[in-house]
Amino acid sequence: QRQKDSRKIREKYAERIPVIVERVPNSQITDIDKHKFLVPHDISVAQFMWIIRKRIQLQPERALFLFVGKTIPQSSATMGQIYQDHRDEDGFLYIAYSGENTFGL
């Protein structure tokens, strides 16, 4: 089903990337109100992180970590680059977030 969804999204919004954002289990940070995003290819990971911070209303002094798989993506990388390297076989890019560096990197 998700493969079909991502194919439709990619056909309709060719310049956007379908992203699913989930909180790392047991994280002390607020759960996000929206889990599916369509983001432009050319925004940086840092810009996307700002969007997530805003959605969860995270105070500026609190840390936020994004994970793609078990790695932290470079903040200067574009979402297009991350999508090319890490998209799931269903066509979505899965990003987890946490207030702690939970994988000890």
C-alpha atoms as a PDB file:
ATOM      1  CA  GLN A   1       0.000   0.000   0.000  1.00  0.00           C
ATOM      2  CA  ARG A   2       2.759   2.464   0.901  1.00  0.00           C
ATOM      3  CA  GLN A   3       4.543   1.719  -2.380  1.00  0.00           C
ATOM      4  CA  LYS A   4       1.388   2.703  -4.231  1.00  0.00           C
ATOM      5  CA  ASP A   5       1.046   5.848  -2.098  1.00  0.00           C
ATOM      6  CA  SER A   6       4.637   6.926  -2.688  1.00  0.00           C
ATOM      7  CA  ARG A   7       4.342   6.301  -6.439  1.00  0.00           C
ATOM      8  CA  LYS A   8       1.231   8.513  -6.616  1.00  0.00           C
ATOM      9  CA  ILE A   9       2.937  11.214  -4.578  1.00  0.00           C
ATOM     10  CA  ARG A  10       6.090  11.125  -6.737  1.00  0.00           C
ATOM     11  CA  GLU A  11       3.977  11.348  -9.926  1.00  0.00           C
ATOM     12  CA  LYS A  12       1.903  14.249  -8.655  1.00  0.00           C
ATOM     13  CA  TYR A  13       4.703  16.100  -6.830  1.00  0.00           C
ATOM     14  CA  ALA A  14       7.870  15.224  -8.754  1.00  0.00           C
ATOM     15  CA  GLU A  15       9.906  17.957  -7.053  1.00  0.00           C
ATOM     16  CA  ARG A  16       9.043  16.764  -3.545  1.00  0.00           C
ATOM     17  CA  ILE A  17      10.238  13.922  -1.361  1.00  0.00           C
ATOM     18  CA  PRO A  18       7.796  11.838   0.713  1.00  0.00           C
ATOM     19  CA  VAL A  19       9.142  11.684   4.272  1.00  0.00           C
ATOM     20  CA  ILE A  20       7.757   9.880   7.310  1.00  0.00           C
ATOM     21  CA  VAL A  21       8.930  11.281  10.640  1.00  0.00           C
ATOM     22  CA  GLU A  22       8.692   9.251  13.833  1.00  0.00           C
ATOM     23  CA  ARG A  23       9.842   9.836  17.383  1.00  0.00           C
ATOM     24  CA  VAL A  24      12.443   7.404  18.698  1.00  0.00           C
ATOM     25  CA  PRO A  25      10.683   5.073  21.187  1.00  0.00           C
ATOM     26  CA  ASN A  26      11.170   6.086  24.835  1.00  0.00           C
ATOM     27  CA  SER A  27      12.492   9.520  23.855  1.00  0.00           C
ATOM     28  CA  GLN A  28      11.711  12.282  26.346  1.00  0.00           C
ATOM     29  CA  ILE A  29      10.769  14.661  23.538  1.00  0.00           C
ATOM     30  CA  THR A  30       7.236  15.583  22.418  1.00  0.00           C
ATOM     31  CA  ASP A  31       5.564  13.460  19.746  1.00  0.00           C
ATOM     32  CA  ILE A  32       5.008  15.300  16.489  1.00  0.00           C
ATOM     33  CA  ASP A  33       1.472  16.192  15.389  1.00  0.00           C
ATOM     34  CA  LYS A  34       2.057  15.255  11.740  1.00  0.00           C
ATOM     35  CA  HIS A  35       4.123  12.308  10.547  1.00  0.00           C
ATOM     36  CA  LYS A  36       4.012  12.611   6.748  1.00  0.00           C
ATOM     37  CA  PHE A  37       5.806  15.438   4.968  1.00  0.00           C
ATOM     38  CA  LEU A  38       6.429  16.397   1.357  1.00  0.00           C
ATOM     39  CA  VAL A  39       9.681  18.326   1.265  1.00  0.00           C
ATOM     40  CA  PRO A  40      11.570  19.981  -1.598  1.00  0.00           C
ATOM     41  CA  HIS A  41      14.660  18.137  -2.896  1.00  0.00           C
ATOM     42  CA  ASP A  42      16.901  21.121  -2.348  1.00  0.00           C
ATOM     43  CA  ILE A  43      16.310  21.976   1.311  1.00  0.00           C
ATOM     44  CA  SER A  44      19.075  21.003   3.698  1.00  0.00           C
ATOM     45  CA  VAL A  45      18.775  18.591   6.586  1.00  0.00           C
ATOM     46  CA  ALA A  46      19.303  21.614   8.881  1.00  0.00           C
ATOM     47  CA  GLN A  47      16.286  23.374   7.325  1.00  0.00           C
ATOM     48  CA  PHE A  48      14.179  20.232   7.717  1.00  0.00           C
ATOM     49  CA  MET A  49      15.308  19.966  11.341  1.00  0.00           C
ATOM     50  CA  TRP A  50      14.064  23.537  11.868  1.00  0.00           C
ATOM     51  CA  ILE A  51      10.645  22.468  10.502  1.00  0.00           C
ATOM     52  CA  ILE A  52      10.545  19.534  12.941  1.00  0.00           C
ATOM     53  CA  ARG A  53      11.618  21.750  15.866  1.00  0.00           C
ATOM     54  CA  LYS A  54       8.784  24.122  15.020  1.00  0.00           C
ATOM     55  CA  ARG A  55       6.182  21.329  14.722  1.00  0.00           C
ATOM     56  CA  ILE A  56       7.060  19.897  18.136  1.00  0.00           C
ATOM     57  CA  GLN A  57       7.518  23.372  19.656  1.00  0.00           C
ATOM     58  CA  LEU A  58      10.962  22.530  20.990  1.00  0.00           C
ATOM     59  CA  GLN A  59      12.648  25.211  23.087  1.00  0.00           C
ATOM     60  CA  PRO A  60      15.826  26.645  21.509  1.00  0.00           C
ATOM     61  CA  GLU A  61      18.049  25.348  24.324  1.00  0.00           C
ATOM     62  CA  ARG A  62      16.891  21.717  23.843  1.00  0.00           C
ATOM     63  CA  ALA A  63      18.845  19.438  21.527  1.00  0.00           C
ATOM     64  CA  LEU A  64      17.249  17.620  18.605  1.00  0.00           C
ATOM     65  CA  PHE A  65      18.834  14.713  16.756  1.00  0.00           C
ATOM     66  CA  LEU A  66      17.604  13.311  13.444  1.00  0.00           C
ATOM     67  CA  PHE A  67      18.404   9.744  12.449  1.00  0.00           C
ATOM     68  CA  VAL A  68      18.219   8.057   9.077  1.00  0.00           C
ATOM     69  CA  GLY A  69      18.633   4.393   9.836  1.00  0.00           C
ATOM     70  CA  LYS A  70      21.090   4.442  12.714  1.00  0.00           C
ATOM     71  CA  THR A  71      23.121   7.380  11.432  1.00  0.00           C
ATOM     72  CA  ILE A  72      22.901  11.123  11.900  1.00  0.00           C
ATOM     73  CA  PRO A  73      22.776  12.795   8.472  1.00  0.00           C
ATOM     74  CA  GLN A  74      25.064  15.750   7.742  1.00  0.00           C
ATOM     75  CA  SER A  75      23.140  18.953   8.360  1.00  0.00           C
ATOM     76  CA  SER A  76      24.509  20.461   5.139  1.00  0.00           C
ATOM     77  CA  ALA A  77      23.279  17.561   2.965  1.00  0.00           C
ATOM     78  CA  THR A  78      20.152  18.160   0.911  1.00  0.00           C
ATOM     79  CA  MET A  79      17.052  16.107   1.518  1.00  0.00           C
ATOM     80  CA  GLY A  80      17.389  14.969  -2.110  1.00  0.00           C
ATOM     81  CA  GLN A  81      20.818  13.475  -1.361  1.00  0.00           C
ATOM     82  CA  ILE A  82      19.526  11.754   1.774  1.00  0.00           C
ATOM     83  CA  TYR A  83      16.525  10.408  -0.159  1.00  0.00           C
ATOM     84  CA  GLN A  84      18.759   9.015  -2.931  1.00  0.00           C
ATOM     85  CA  ASP A  85      20.966   7.197  -0.427  1.00  0.00           C
ATOM     86  CA  HIS A  86      18.450   6.081   2.194  1.00  0.00           C
ATOM     87  CA  ARG A  87      14.923   5.825   0.799  1.00  0.00           C
ATOM     88  CA  ASP A  88      13.039   2.708   1.767  1.00  0.00           C
ATOM     89  CA  GLU A  89      11.919   0.178  -0.838  1.00  0.00           C
ATOM     90  CA  ASP A  90       8.377   1.509  -0.359  1.00  0.00           C
ATOM     91  CA  GLY A  91       9.545   4.883  -1.743  1.00  0.00           C
ATOM     92  CA  PHE A  92       9.406   6.840   1.522  1.00  0.00           C
ATOM     93  CA  LEU A  93      12.312   8.302   3.461  1.00  0.00           C
ATOM     94  CA  TYR A  94      12.030   7.414   7.151  1.00  0.00           C
ATOM     95  CA  ILE A  95      13.503   9.836   9.673  1.00  0.00           C
ATOM     96  CA  ALA A  96      13.473   9.324  13.428  1.00  0.00           C
ATOM     97  CA  TYR A  97      14.037  12.117  15.923  1.00  0.00           C
ATOM     98  CA  SER A  98      15.042  12.290  19.548  1.00  0.00           C
ATOM     99  CA  GLY A  99      16.179  14.767  22.161  1.00  0.00           C
ATOM    100  CA  GLU A 100      19.075  12.455  22.961  1.00  0.00           C
ATOM    101  CA  ASN A 101      21.772  10.926  20.825  1.00  0.00           C
ATOM    102  CA  THR A 102      20.217   7.501  21.419  1.00  0.00           C
ATOM    103  CA  PHE A 103      22.564   5.492  19.235  1.00  0.00           C
ATOM    104  CA  GLY A 104      25.672   6.711  21.048  1.00  0.00           C
ATOM    105  CA  LEU A 105      27.266   8.270  17.977  1.00  0.00           C
END
